[in-house]
Amino acid sequence: MITVGKAPYRISLLGGGSDLDWFLNEETQGISLGYSLNKFSYSIVNVLDENSKNGILNYSVRENYTKIDSIVHPLIKEALKISNIKNYIELSTFGFATGGSGLGGSSCFLLSLLAALKNSGNYKLNPEELAAEVCDIEINRLKKPIGRQDQYLCALGGLSSLLFSKDGSVKQNDLNKNIKDFLRREIDNLFLIPSLKTRSADKVLQNLRDDKSSISKLKNIREIALSFINSDDNREFKIQENFYQSVRDSWEIKRSMTNVMDSLLEEQLESITSLIPNNWIRLLGAGSGGYFLISPKTDKSETFKILRDSKFSNFVKADMTPSGVTVKSF
């Protein structure tokens, strides 16, 4: 039996960073507003017969294993430890983005992998439980200095507002209909432009943690997100105005944080801004590389033409998918 796990990448709009465990230990509550991207990570698992002498893992390299503890890839190793699959497996993985993309790639990959492994072991798929298990692997077992927004935004699918607590629990926060309708229209006009840099998010986040000014800055980012989400002004022009200002204000705070930007990224940011008269632009993820997310003032078809004929022709639309993590067996 061959099983395919599929999980979307994610886009964070507001509140990113306030989901980090070390921030929650100080501030007790965090929030994230974001959505699942219509780009995916796939994990294809074939459980080999009992006579097989080793397992085969194909990701960015090819790895053979005879013992789980000897596996080099830390996420695959930990996922197999909790999978309860007794036979060796053959694994192949595919994804839209490389590591260090700022799109929640490691959590997205691990979700697709766990979904495939658990389905091979006859488990019933539950997105929330799967997201919690991914959090446990990444944060508790591997001690990665990350938060919990990636796992849940990727697992749940669609548009989500999430509340994070100090005890590790994650709850979905209800958005008012007018805000949801506006955000769905806004997302339809968003574009992703890859920067010229990839990076280790763990290193960036560790540096952020070591910077004493980070707590107050992340607290401000959280308050900006809460203010927008909890606004009771349902006039469309006001929701739009509040959202654009919230993204701009959050980005300026993030931009001032340790290791988020460097001269190369600032140069790319300036080039994009001069090319497209945008409502807002921001770098996704922890910083130091990844993708720029832009919301242009021009019509999306006009923006498409401008980008296609520019040095940023490797852009993609940042469309939303309603699908979270899924699994199929053949």
C-alpha atoms as a PDB file:
ATOM      1  CA  MET A   1       0.000   0.000   0.000  1.00  0.00           C
ATOM      2  CA  ILE A   2       1.277   3.447  -0.951  1.00  0.00           C
ATOM      3  CA  THR A   3       0.144   6.419   1.134  1.00  0.00           C
ATOM      4  CA  VAL A   4       0.427  10.094   0.175  1.00  0.00           C
ATOM      5  CA  GLY A   5       0.372  12.800   2.847  1.00  0.00           C
ATOM      6  CA  LYS A   6      -0.256  16.338   1.615  1.00  0.00           C
ATOM      7  CA  ALA A   7       0.006  19.593   3.590  1.00  0.00           C
ATOM      8  CA  PRO A   8      -0.130  23.234   2.469  1.00  0.00           C
ATOM      9  CA  TYR A   9       2.466  25.861   3.263  1.00  0.00           C
ATOM     10  CA  ARG A  10       1.253  28.898   5.177  1.00  0.00           C
ATOM     11  CA  ILE A  11       1.122  32.691   5.007  1.00  0.00           C
ATOM     12  CA  SER A  12       1.222  34.696   8.240  1.00  0.00           C
ATOM     13  CA  LEU A  13      -0.550  38.056   8.025  1.00  0.00           C
ATOM     14  CA  LEU A  14      -0.547  39.452  11.574  1.00  0.00           C
ATOM     15  CA  GLY A  15       0.704  38.469  15.022  1.00  0.00           C
ATOM     16  CA  GLY A  16       3.608  36.265  13.905  1.00  0.00           C
ATOM     17  CA  GLY A  17       6.217  35.819  16.624  1.00  0.00           C
ATOM     18  CA  SER A  18       3.774  36.096  19.515  1.00  0.00           C
ATOM     19  CA  ASP A  19       3.280  32.312  19.196  1.00  0.00           C
ATOM     20  CA  LEU A  20       6.871  31.590  20.281  1.00  0.00           C
ATOM     21  CA  ASP A  21       7.044  29.546  23.486  1.00  0.00           C
ATOM     22  CA  TRP A  22       9.665  31.754  25.142  1.00  0.00           C
ATOM     23  CA  PHE A  23       7.471  34.803  24.478  1.00  0.00           C
ATOM     24  CA  LEU A  24       4.420  33.033  25.910  1.00  0.00           C
ATOM     25  CA  ASN A  25       6.376  32.154  29.048  1.00  0.00           C
ATOM     26  CA  GLU A  26       6.659  35.895  29.646  1.00  0.00           C
ATOM     27  CA  GLU A  27       3.350  37.153  28.263  1.00  0.00           C
ATOM     28  CA  THR A  28       0.995  34.116  28.597  1.00  0.00           C
ATOM     29  CA  GLN A  29      -0.965  34.793  25.362  1.00  0.00           C
ATOM     30  CA  GLY A  30      -0.163  35.083  21.668  1.00  0.00           C
ATOM     31  CA  ILE A  31      -2.174  35.420  18.472  1.00  0.00           C
ATOM     32  CA  SER A  32      -1.768  34.723  14.780  1.00  0.00           C
ATOM     33  CA  LEU A  33      -3.849  35.613  11.743  1.00  0.00           C
ATOM     34  CA  GLY A  34      -2.957  33.720   8.587  1.00  0.00           C
ATOM     35  CA  TYR A  35      -3.981  31.186   5.989  1.00  0.00           C
ATOM     36  CA  SER A  36      -2.925  28.033   4.175  1.00  0.00           C
ATOM     37  CA  LEU A  37      -1.199  28.628   0.842  1.00  0.00           C
ATOM     38  CA  ASN A  38      -2.266  26.838  -2.321  1.00  0.00           C
ATOM     39  CA  LYS A  39       1.191  25.233  -2.548  1.00  0.00           C
ATOM     40  CA  PHE A  40       1.971  21.891  -0.950  1.00  0.00           C
ATOM     41  CA  SER A  41       4.459  19.464   0.538  1.00  0.00           C
ATOM     42  CA  TYR A  42       3.979  15.776  -0.294  1.00  0.00           C
ATOM     43  CA  SER A  43       5.260  12.676   1.483  1.00  0.00           C
ATOM     44  CA  ILE A  44       4.845   9.337  -0.280  1.00  0.00           C
ATOM     45  CA  VAL A  45       5.258   6.300   1.969  1.00  0.00           C
ATOM     46  CA  ASN A  46       5.493   2.685   0.869  1.00  0.00           C
ATOM     47  CA  VAL A  47       5.638   0.171   3.723  1.00  0.00           C
ATOM     48  CA  LEU A  48       8.028  -2.544   2.591  1.00  0.00           C
ATOM     49  CA  ASP A  49       7.474  -6.243   3.186  1.00  0.00           C
ATOM     50  CA  GLU A  50       8.952  -7.970   6.212  1.00  0.00           C
ATOM     51  CA  ASN A  51      11.797  -9.485   4.189  1.00  0.00           C
ATOM     52  CA  SER A  52      13.270  -6.090   3.276  1.00  0.00           C
ATOM     53  CA  LYS A  53      16.773  -5.576   4.657  1.00  0.00           C
ATOM     54  CA  ASN A  54      16.709  -1.767   4.918  1.00  0.00           C
ATOM     55  CA  GLY A  55      14.556   1.311   4.476  1.00  0.00           C
ATOM     56  CA  ILE A  56      14.993   3.979   1.784  1.00  0.00           C
ATOM     57  CA  LEU A  57      14.515   7.704   2.389  1.00  0.00           C
ATOM     58  CA  ASN A  58      14.495  10.122  -0.548  1.00  0.00           C
ATOM     59  CA  TYR A  59      14.383  13.805   0.385  1.00  0.00           C
ATOM     60  CA  SER A  60      17.066  16.320  -0.637  1.00  0.00           C
ATOM     61  CA  VAL A  61      19.460  13.340  -0.513  1.00  0.00           C
ATOM     62  CA  ARG A  62      19.006   9.574  -0.556  1.00  0.00           C
ATOM     63  CA  GLU A  63      19.453   7.779   2.745  1.00  0.00           C
ATOM     64  CA  ASN A  64      19.280   4.060   3.544  1.00  0.00           C
ATOM     65  CA  TYR A  65      18.646   2.961   7.120  1.00  0.00           C
ATOM     66  CA  THR A  66      18.573  -0.232   9.142  1.00  0.00           C
ATOM     67  CA  LYS A  67      17.857   1.387  12.521  1.00  0.00           C
ATOM     68  CA  ILE A  68      15.635   4.401  13.170  1.00  0.00           C
ATOM     69  CA  ASP A  69      18.196   5.921  15.531  1.00  0.00           C
ATOM     70  CA  SER A  70      20.744   5.967  12.717  1.00  0.00           C
ATOM     71  CA  ILE A  71      18.593   8.184  10.460  1.00  0.00           C
ATOM     72  CA  VAL A  72      20.292  11.516   9.768  1.00  0.00           C
ATOM     73  CA  HIS A  73      17.187  13.605   9.055  1.00  0.00           C
ATOM     74  CA  PRO A  74      15.893  14.615  12.526  1.00  0.00           C
ATOM     75  CA  LEU A  75      12.246  15.129  11.545  1.00  0.00           C
ATOM     76  CA  ILE A  76      11.988  11.804   9.737  1.00  0.00           C
ATOM     77  CA  LYS A  77      13.721  10.039  12.619  1.00  0.00           C
ATOM     78  CA  GLU A  78      11.306  11.405  15.247  1.00  0.00           C
ATOM     79  CA  ALA A  79       8.248  10.819  13.049  1.00  0.00           C
ATOM     80  CA  LEU A  80       9.177   7.170  12.561  1.00  0.00           C
ATOM     81  CA  LYS A  81       9.737   6.725  16.294  1.00  0.00           C
ATOM     82  CA  ILE A  82       6.084   7.510  17.025  1.00  0.00           C
ATOM     83  CA  SER A  83       4.573   5.894  13.910  1.00  0.00           C
ATOM     84  CA  ASN A  84       4.297   2.310  15.227  1.00  0.00           C
ATOM     85  CA  ILE A  85       5.244   0.973  11.777  1.00  0.00           C
ATOM     86  CA  LYS A  86       7.289  -2.162  12.359  1.00  0.00           C
ATOM     87  CA  ASN A  87       8.499  -2.725   8.785  1.00  0.00           C
ATOM     88  CA  TYR A  88      10.979  -0.606   6.882  1.00  0.00           C
ATOM     89  CA  ILE A  89       9.566   2.093   4.655  1.00  0.00           C
ATOM     90  CA  GLU A  90      10.421   3.688   1.342  1.00  0.00           C
ATOM     91  CA  LEU A  91       9.847   7.440   1.477  1.00  0.00           C
ATOM     92  CA  SER A  92       9.877  10.093  -1.250  1.00  0.00           C
ATOM     93  CA  THR A  93       9.182  13.757  -0.539  1.00  0.00           C
ATOM     94  CA  PHE A  94       8.323  16.684  -2.811  1.00  0.00           C
ATOM     95  CA  GLY A  95       7.537  20.316  -2.082  1.00  0.00           C
ATOM     96  CA  PHE A  96       6.958  23.741  -3.595  1.00  0.00           C
ATOM     97  CA  ALA A  97       9.547  25.540  -1.474  1.00  0.00           C
ATOM     98  CA  THR A  98      13.026  24.711  -0.293  1.00  0.00           C
ATOM     99  CA  GLY A  99      14.059  24.947   3.355  1.00  0.00           C
ATOM    100  CA  GLY A 100      14.372  28.448   4.747  1.00  0.00           C
ATOM    101  CA  SER A 101      11.521  29.797   2.632  1.00  0.00           C
ATOM    102  CA  GLY A 102       9.613  31.571   5.407  1.00  0.00           C
ATOM    103  CA  LEU A 103       6.461  29.618   4.501  1.00  0.00           C
ATOM    104  CA  GLY A 104       6.431  27.159   7.408  1.00  0.00           C
ATOM    105  CA  GLY A 105       8.250  24.526   5.363  1.00  0.00           C
ATOM    106  CA  SER A 106       9.568  22.232   8.106  1.00  0.00           C
ATOM    107  CA  SER A 107       6.179  22.015   9.851  1.00  0.00           C
ATOM    108  CA  CYS A 108       4.428  21.554   6.510  1.00  0.00           C
ATOM    109  CA  PHE A 109       6.800  18.718   5.586  1.00  0.00           C
ATOM    110  CA  LEU A 110       6.409  17.020   8.963  1.00  0.00           C
ATOM    111  CA  LEU A 111       2.603  17.242   8.777  1.00  0.00           C
ATOM    112  CA  SER A 112       2.549  15.537   5.385  1.00  0.00           C
ATOM    113  CA  LEU A 113       4.967  12.879   6.631  1.00  0.00           C
ATOM    114  CA  LEU A 114       3.094  12.112   9.854  1.00  0.00           C
ATOM    115  CA  ALA A 115      -0.215  11.987   7.984  1.00  0.00           C
ATOM    116  CA  ALA A 116       1.207   9.398   5.590  1.00  0.00           C
ATOM    117  CA  LEU A 117       2.864   7.350   8.342  1.00  0.00           C
ATOM    118  CA  LYS A 118      -0.196   7.336  10.575  1.00  0.00           C
ATOM    119  CA  ASN A 119      -2.516   6.383   7.750  1.00  0.00           C
ATOM    120  CA  SER A 120      -0.174   3.489   6.924  1.00  0.00           C
ATOM    121  CA  GLY A 121      -0.644   2.409  10.534  1.00  0.00           C
ATOM    122  CA  ASN A 122      -4.458   2.615  10.251  1.00  0.00           C
ATOM    123  CA  TYR A 123      -4.856   5.793  12.326  1.00  0.00           C
ATOM    124  CA  LYS A 124      -7.759   8.163  11.740  1.00  0.00           C
ATOM    125  CA  LEU A 125      -6.538  11.590  10.603  1.00  0.00           C
ATOM    126  CA  ASN A 126      -7.327  14.490  12.954  1.00  0.00           C
ATOM    127  CA  PRO A 127      -5.748  17.808  11.852  1.00  0.00           C
ATOM    128  CA  GLU A 128      -5.654  19.379  15.329  1.00  0.00           C
ATOM    129  CA  GLU A 129      -4.114  16.293  16.917  1.00  0.00           C
ATOM    130  CA  LEU A 130      -1.606  15.999  14.087  1.00  0.00           C
ATOM    131  CA  ALA A 131      -0.612  19.667  14.507  1.00  0.00           C
ATOM    132  CA  ALA A 132      -0.119  19.084  18.247  1.00  0.00           C
ATOM    133  CA  GLU A 133       2.103  16.074  17.535  1.00  0.00           C
ATOM    134  CA  VAL A 134       4.201  18.099  15.088  1.00  0.00           C
ATOM    135  CA  CYS A 135       4.575  20.784  17.767  1.00  0.00           C
ATOM    136  CA  ASP A 136       5.690  18.133  20.239  1.00  0.00           C
ATOM    137  CA  ILE A 137       8.342  16.807  17.859  1.00  0.00           C
ATOM    138  CA  GLU A 138       9.702  20.189  16.817  1.00  0.00           C
ATOM    139  CA  ILE A 139       9.474  22.085  20.112  1.00  0.00           C
ATOM    140  CA  ASN A 140       9.738  19.455  22.848  1.00  0.00           C
ATOM    141  CA  ARG A 141      11.772  16.651  21.289  1.00  0.00           C
ATOM    142  CA  LEU A 142      14.062  18.623  18.967  1.00  0.00           C
ATOM    143  CA  LYS A 143      14.120  21.832  21.071  1.00  0.00           C
ATOM    144  CA  LYS A 144      13.617  24.093  18.048  1.00  0.00           C
ATOM    145  CA  PRO A 145      13.104  27.755  19.124  1.00  0.00           C
ATOM    146  CA  ILE A 146       9.901  28.064  17.100  1.00  0.00           C
ATOM    147  CA  GLY A 147       6.232  28.677  17.781  1.00  0.00           C
ATOM    148  CA  ARG A 148       2.988  26.887  16.943  1.00  0.00           C
ATOM    149  CA  GLN A 149       1.379  28.977  14.215  1.00  0.00           C
ATOM    150  CA  ASP A 150       2.992  27.086  11.322  1.00  0.00           C
ATOM    151  CA  GLN A 151       1.764  23.670  12.410  1.00  0.00           C
ATOM    152  CA  TYR A 152      -1.840  24.804  12.911  1.00  0.00           C
ATOM    153  CA  LEU A 153      -2.140  27.155   9.918  1.00  0.00           C
ATOM    154  CA  CYS A 154      -0.851  24.354   7.679  1.00  0.00           C
ATOM    155  CA  ALA A 155      -2.965  21.627   9.291  1.00  0.00           C
ATOM    156  CA  LEU A 156      -6.319  23.398   9.443  1.00  0.00           C
ATOM    157  CA  GLY A 157      -6.536  24.932   5.972  1.00  0.00           C
ATOM    158  CA  GLY A 158      -8.266  28.140   4.926  1.00  0.00           C
ATOM    159  CA  LEU A 159      -8.198  31.347   6.944  1.00  0.00           C
ATOM    160  CA  SER A 160      -7.478  31.061  10.677  1.00  0.00           C
ATOM    161  CA  SER A 161      -7.139  33.291  13.703  1.00  0.00           C
ATOM    162  CA  LEU A 162      -5.353  31.348  16.443  1.00  0.00           C
ATOM    163  CA  LEU A 163      -4.901  32.026  20.160  1.00  0.00           C
ATOM    164  CA  PHE A 164      -1.816  30.555  21.856  1.00  0.00           C
ATOM    165  CA  SER A 165      -1.520  29.945  25.584  1.00  0.00           C
ATOM    166  CA  LYS A 166       1.428  29.428  27.904  1.00  0.00           C
ATOM    167  CA  ASP A 167       0.407  25.806  28.536  1.00  0.00           C
ATOM    168  CA  GLY A 168       0.862  24.990  24.826  1.00  0.00           C
ATOM    169  CA  SER A 169      -2.846  24.901  23.976  1.00  0.00           C
ATOM    170  CA  VAL A 170      -4.068  26.453  20.724  1.00  0.00           C
ATOM    171  CA  LYS A 171      -7.630  27.633  20.109  1.00  0.00           C
ATOM    172  CA  GLN A 172      -9.340  28.979  17.022  1.00  0.00           C
ATOM    173  CA  ASN A 173     -10.592  32.517  17.433  1.00  0.00           C
ATOM    174  CA  ASP A 174     -13.849  33.444  15.677  1.00  0.00           C
ATOM    175  CA  LEU A 175     -13.486  36.223  13.105  1.00  0.00           C
ATOM    176  CA  ASN A 176     -16.368  38.475  12.311  1.00  0.00           C
ATOM    177  CA  LYS A 177     -17.940  37.861   8.895  1.00  0.00           C
ATOM    178  CA  ASN A 178     -17.072  41.288   7.494  1.00  0.00           C
ATOM    179  CA  ILE A 179     -13.392  40.836   8.348  1.00  0.00           C
ATOM    180  CA  LYS A 180     -13.368  37.328   6.861  1.00  0.00           C
ATOM    181  CA  ASP A 181     -15.017  38.529   3.638  1.00  0.00           C
ATOM    182  CA  PHE A 182     -12.535  41.397   3.305  1.00  0.00           C
ATOM    183  CA  LEU A 183      -9.522  39.155   3.953  1.00  0.00           C
ATOM    184  CA  ARG A 184     -10.635  36.610   1.350  1.00  0.00           C
ATOM    185  CA  ARG A 185     -10.851  39.392  -1.247  1.00  0.00           C
ATOM    186  CA  GLU A 186      -7.503  40.803  -0.141  1.00  0.00           C
ATOM    187  CA  ILE A 187      -5.780  37.412  -0.348  1.00  0.00           C
ATOM    188  CA  ASP A 188      -6.920  37.076  -3.954  1.00  0.00           C
ATOM    189  CA  ASN A 189      -4.650  40.038  -4.800  1.00  0.00           C
ATOM    190  CA  LEU A 190      -1.504  38.939  -2.953  1.00  0.00           C
ATOM    191  CA  PHE A 191       1.768  37.904  -4.597  1.00  0.00           C
ATOM    192  CA  LEU A 192       4.900  36.110  -3.387  1.00  0.00           C
ATOM    193  CA  ILE A 193       8.355  37.097  -4.606  1.00  0.00           C
ATOM    194  CA  PRO A 194      11.287  34.903  -3.516  1.00  0.00           C
ATOM    195  CA  SER A 195      14.272  36.722  -2.094  1.00  0.00           C
ATOM    196  CA  LEU A 196      17.750  35.714  -3.163  1.00  0.00           C
ATOM    197  CA  LYS A 197      18.439  34.167   0.240  1.00  0.00           C
ATOM    198  CA  THR A 198      17.516  31.062   2.187  1.00  0.00           C
ATOM    199  CA  ARG A 199      18.373  30.702   5.857  1.00  0.00           C
ATOM    200  CA  SER A 200      17.955  28.618   8.967  1.00  0.00           C
ATOM    201  CA  ALA A 201      14.888  29.945  10.757  1.00  0.00           C
ATOM    202  CA  ASP A 202      16.135  28.299  13.965  1.00  0.00           C
ATOM    203  CA  LYS A 203      19.287  30.436  13.986  1.00  0.00           C
ATOM    204  CA  VAL A 204      17.358  33.633  13.307  1.00  0.00           C
ATOM    205  CA  LEU A 205      14.843  32.836  16.048  1.00  0.00           C
ATOM    206  CA  GLN A 206      17.589  31.963  18.520  1.00  0.00           C
ATOM    207  CA  ASN A 207      19.217  35.359  17.901  1.00  0.00           C
ATOM    208  CA  LEU A 208      15.815  36.968  18.336  1.00  0.00           C
ATOM    209  CA  ARG A 209      15.369  35.198  21.649  1.00  0.00           C
ATOM    210  CA  ASP A 210      18.746  36.433  22.866  1.00  0.00           C
ATOM    211  CA  ASP A 211      17.874  40.064  22.081  1.00  0.00           C
ATOM    212  CA  LYS A 212      16.414  41.661  25.225  1.00  0.00           C
ATOM    213  CA  SER A 213      14.308  44.115  23.186  1.00  0.00           C
ATOM    214  CA  SER A 214      12.401  41.295  21.442  1.00  0.00           C
ATOM    215  CA  ILE A 215       9.750  40.797  24.127  1.00  0.00           C
ATOM    216  CA  SER A 216       8.470  44.380  23.973  1.00  0.00           C
ATOM    217  CA  LYS A 217       8.515  44.380  20.159  1.00  0.00           C
ATOM    218  CA  LEU A 218       6.623  41.087  19.916  1.00  0.00           C
ATOM    219  CA  LYS A 219       4.146  42.382  22.474  1.00  0.00           C
ATOM    220  CA  ASN A 220       3.486  45.389  20.206  1.00  0.00           C
ATOM    221  CA  ILE A 221       3.031  43.082  17.203  1.00  0.00           C
ATOM    222  CA  ARG A 222       0.537  41.029  19.212  1.00  0.00           C
ATOM    223  CA  GLU A 223      -1.440  44.108  20.283  1.00  0.00           C
ATOM    224  CA  ILE A 224      -1.657  45.349  16.686  1.00  0.00           C
ATOM    225  CA  ALA A 225      -3.104  41.983  15.609  1.00  0.00           C
ATOM    226  CA  LEU A 226      -5.578  41.894  18.500  1.00  0.00           C
ATOM    227  CA  SER A 227      -6.722  45.434  17.767  1.00  0.00           C
ATOM    228  CA  PHE A 228      -7.511  44.569  14.148  1.00  0.00           C
ATOM    229  CA  ILE A 229      -9.167  41.221  14.889  1.00  0.00           C
ATOM    230  CA  ASN A 230     -11.317  42.626  17.708  1.00  0.00           C
ATOM    231  CA  SER A 231     -12.377  45.795  15.877  1.00  0.00           C
ATOM    232  CA  ASP A 232     -16.152  46.251  15.801  1.00  0.00           C
ATOM    233  CA  ASP A 233     -16.164  48.777  12.928  1.00  0.00           C
ATOM    234  CA  ASN A 234     -17.717  46.786  10.070  1.00  0.00           C
ATOM    235  CA  ARG A 235     -17.480  49.421   7.367  1.00  0.00           C
ATOM    236  CA  GLU A 236     -15.470  47.881   4.519  1.00  0.00           C
ATOM    237  CA  PHE A 237     -13.300  50.920   3.876  1.00  0.00           C
ATOM    238  CA  LYS A 238     -12.471  51.076   7.591  1.00  0.00           C
ATOM    239  CA  ILE A 239     -11.586  47.361   7.774  1.00  0.00           C
ATOM    240  CA  GLN A 240      -9.311  47.827   4.765  1.00  0.00           C
ATOM    241  CA  GLU A 241      -7.702  50.910   6.251  1.00  0.00           C
ATOM    242  CA  ASN A 242      -7.146  49.203   9.600  1.00  0.00           C
ATOM    243  CA  PHE A 243      -5.708  46.078   8.008  1.00  0.00           C
ATOM    244  CA  TYR A 244      -3.246  47.921   5.774  1.00  0.00           C
ATOM    245  CA  GLN A 245      -2.076  50.060   8.665  1.00  0.00           C
ATOM    246  CA  SER A 246      -1.778  47.022  10.927  1.00  0.00           C
ATOM    247  CA  VAL A 247       0.400  45.180   8.404  1.00  0.00           C
ATOM    248  CA  ARG A 248       2.587  48.246   7.849  1.00  0.00           C
ATOM    249  CA  ASP A 249       3.033  48.893  11.569  1.00  0.00           C
ATOM    250  CA  SER A 250       3.798  45.232  12.311  1.00  0.00           C
ATOM    251  CA  TRP A 251       6.293  45.083   9.478  1.00  0.00           C
ATOM    252  CA  GLU A 252       8.161  48.186  10.640  1.00  0.00           C
ATOM    253  CA  ILE A 253       8.531  46.634  14.096  1.00  0.00           C
ATOM    254  CA  LYS A 254       9.675  43.318  12.659  1.00  0.00           C
ATOM    255  CA  ARG A 255      12.046  45.093  10.278  1.00  0.00           C
ATOM    256  CA  SER A 256      13.810  46.687  13.257  1.00  0.00           C
ATOM    257  CA  MET A 257      14.408  43.341  14.978  1.00  0.00           C
ATOM    258  CA  THR A 258      17.722  41.483  15.095  1.00  0.00           C
ATOM    259  CA  ASN A 259      18.839  39.759  11.867  1.00  0.00           C
ATOM    260  CA  VAL A 260      15.509  40.212  10.061  1.00  0.00           C
ATOM    261  CA  MET A 261      16.965  42.325   7.245  1.00  0.00           C
ATOM    262  CA  ASP A 262      20.389  42.898   5.726  1.00  0.00           C
ATOM    263  CA  SER A 263      21.754  45.028   2.872  1.00  0.00           C
ATOM    264  CA  LEU A 264      20.825  42.496   0.166  1.00  0.00           C
ATOM    265  CA  LEU A 265      17.240  42.146   1.408  1.00  0.00           C
ATOM    266  CA  GLU A 266      16.881  45.922   1.792  1.00  0.00           C
ATOM    267  CA  GLU A 267      18.056  46.327  -1.804  1.00  0.00           C
ATOM    268  CA  GLN A 268      15.480  43.797  -3.026  1.00  0.00           C
ATOM    269  CA  LEU A 269      12.767  45.453  -0.952  1.00  0.00           C
ATOM    270  CA  GLU A 270      13.579  48.832  -2.490  1.00  0.00           C
ATOM    271  CA  SER A 271      13.577  47.348  -6.013  1.00  0.00           C
ATOM    272  CA  ILE A 272      10.154  45.737  -5.549  1.00  0.00           C
ATOM    273  CA  THR A 273       8.730  48.901  -4.018  1.00  0.00           C
ATOM    274  CA  SER A 274       9.955  51.034  -6.921  1.00  0.00           C
ATOM    275  CA  LEU A 275       8.603  48.564  -9.468  1.00  0.00           C
ATOM    276  CA  ILE A 276       5.129  48.179  -7.984  1.00  0.00           C
ATOM    277  CA  PRO A 277       3.250  50.925  -6.138  1.00  0.00           C
ATOM    278  CA  ASN A 278       2.122  48.591  -3.384  1.00  0.00           C
ATOM    279  CA  ASN A 279      -0.241  49.033  -0.489  1.00  0.00           C
ATOM    280  CA  TRP A 280       2.150  47.061   1.672  1.00  0.00           C
ATOM    281  CA  ILE A 281       5.065  44.678   1.477  1.00  0.00           C
ATOM    282  CA  ARG A 282       6.688  42.465   4.075  1.00  0.00           C
ATOM    283  CA  LEU A 283       9.178  39.637   4.434  1.00  0.00           C
ATOM    284  CA  LEU A 284       7.608  36.388   5.590  1.00  0.00           C
ATOM    285  CA  GLY A 285       8.936  34.082   8.279  1.00  0.00           C
ATOM    286  CA  ALA A 286      11.667  34.705  10.809  1.00  0.00           C
ATOM    287  CA  GLY A 287      13.687  36.985   8.536  1.00  0.00           C
ATOM    288  CA  SER A 288      17.126  36.943   6.883  1.00  0.00           C
ATOM    289  CA  GLY A 289      15.631  35.420   3.723  1.00  0.00           C
ATOM    290  CA  GLY A 290      12.562  33.724   2.328  1.00  0.00           C
ATOM    291  CA  TYR A 291       9.689  35.331   0.425  1.00  0.00           C
ATOM    292  CA  PHE A 292       8.361  38.865   0.175  1.00  0.00           C
ATOM    293  CA  LEU A 293       4.563  39.119   0.357  1.00  0.00           C
ATOM    294  CA  ILE A 294       3.105  42.090  -1.517  1.00  0.00           C
ATOM    295  CA  SER A 295      -0.325  43.656  -1.867  1.00  0.00           C
ATOM    296  CA  PRO A 296      -0.249  45.947  -4.933  1.00  0.00           C
ATOM    297  CA  LYS A 297      -2.458  48.941  -5.585  1.00  0.00           C
ATOM    298  CA  THR A 298      -2.602  48.027  -9.256  1.00  0.00           C
ATOM    299  CA  ASP A 299      -5.061  45.505 -10.665  1.00  0.00           C
ATOM    300  CA  LYS A 300      -3.754  41.949 -10.187  1.00  0.00           C
ATOM    301  CA  SER A 301      -3.624  41.328 -13.954  1.00  0.00           C
ATOM    302  CA  GLU A 302      -1.526  44.482 -14.370  1.00  0.00           C
ATOM    303  CA  THR A 303       0.720  43.420 -11.487  1.00  0.00           C
ATOM    304  CA  PHE A 304       1.128  40.023 -13.138  1.00  0.00           C
ATOM    305  CA  LYS A 305       2.362  41.686 -16.344  1.00  0.00           C
ATOM    306  CA  ILE A 306       4.738  44.003 -14.489  1.00  0.00           C
ATOM    307  CA  LEU A 307       6.317  41.158 -12.535  1.00  0.00           C
ATOM    308  CA  ARG A 308       6.450  38.820 -15.531  1.00  0.00           C
ATOM    309  CA  ASP A 309       8.519  41.351 -17.483  1.00  0.00           C
ATOM    310  CA  SER A 310      10.830  42.188 -14.577  1.00  0.00           C
ATOM    311  CA  LYS A 311      13.756  40.501 -12.831  1.00  0.00           C
ATOM    312  CA  PHE A 312      11.157  39.155 -10.361  1.00  0.00           C
ATOM    313  CA  SER A 313       9.536  36.884 -12.959  1.00  0.00           C
ATOM    314  CA  ASN A 314       9.759  33.898 -10.591  1.00  0.00           C
ATOM    315  CA  PHE A 315       6.851  35.306  -8.552  1.00  0.00           C
ATOM    316  CA  VAL A 316       3.710  33.305  -7.688  1.00  0.00           C
ATOM    317  CA  LYS A 317       0.191  34.211  -6.636  1.00  0.00           C
ATOM    318  CA  ALA A 318      -0.326  33.782  -2.899  1.00  0.00           C
ATOM    319  CA  ASP A 319      -3.714  32.090  -3.250  1.00  0.00           C
ATOM    320  CA  MET A 320      -5.462  30.437  -0.335  1.00  0.00           C
ATOM    321  CA  THR A 321      -6.520  26.794  -0.242  1.00  0.00           C
ATOM    322  CA  PRO A 322      -9.418  25.587   1.918  1.00  0.00           C
ATOM    323  CA  SER A 323      -7.628  22.261   2.355  1.00  0.00           C
ATOM    324  CA  GLY A 324      -5.447  21.540   5.336  1.00  0.00           C
ATOM    325  CA  VAL A 325      -3.476  18.348   5.813  1.00  0.00           C
ATOM    326  CA  THR A 326      -4.911  15.375   3.892  1.00  0.00           C
ATOM    327  CA  VAL A 327      -3.968  11.753   3.196  1.00  0.00           C
ATOM    328  CA  LYS A 328      -4.798   9.142   0.548  1.00  0.00           C
ATOM    329  CA  SER A 329      -3.839   5.506   0.137  1.00  0.00           C
ATOM    330  CA  PHE A 330      -3.556   3.528  -3.079  1.00  0.00           C
END
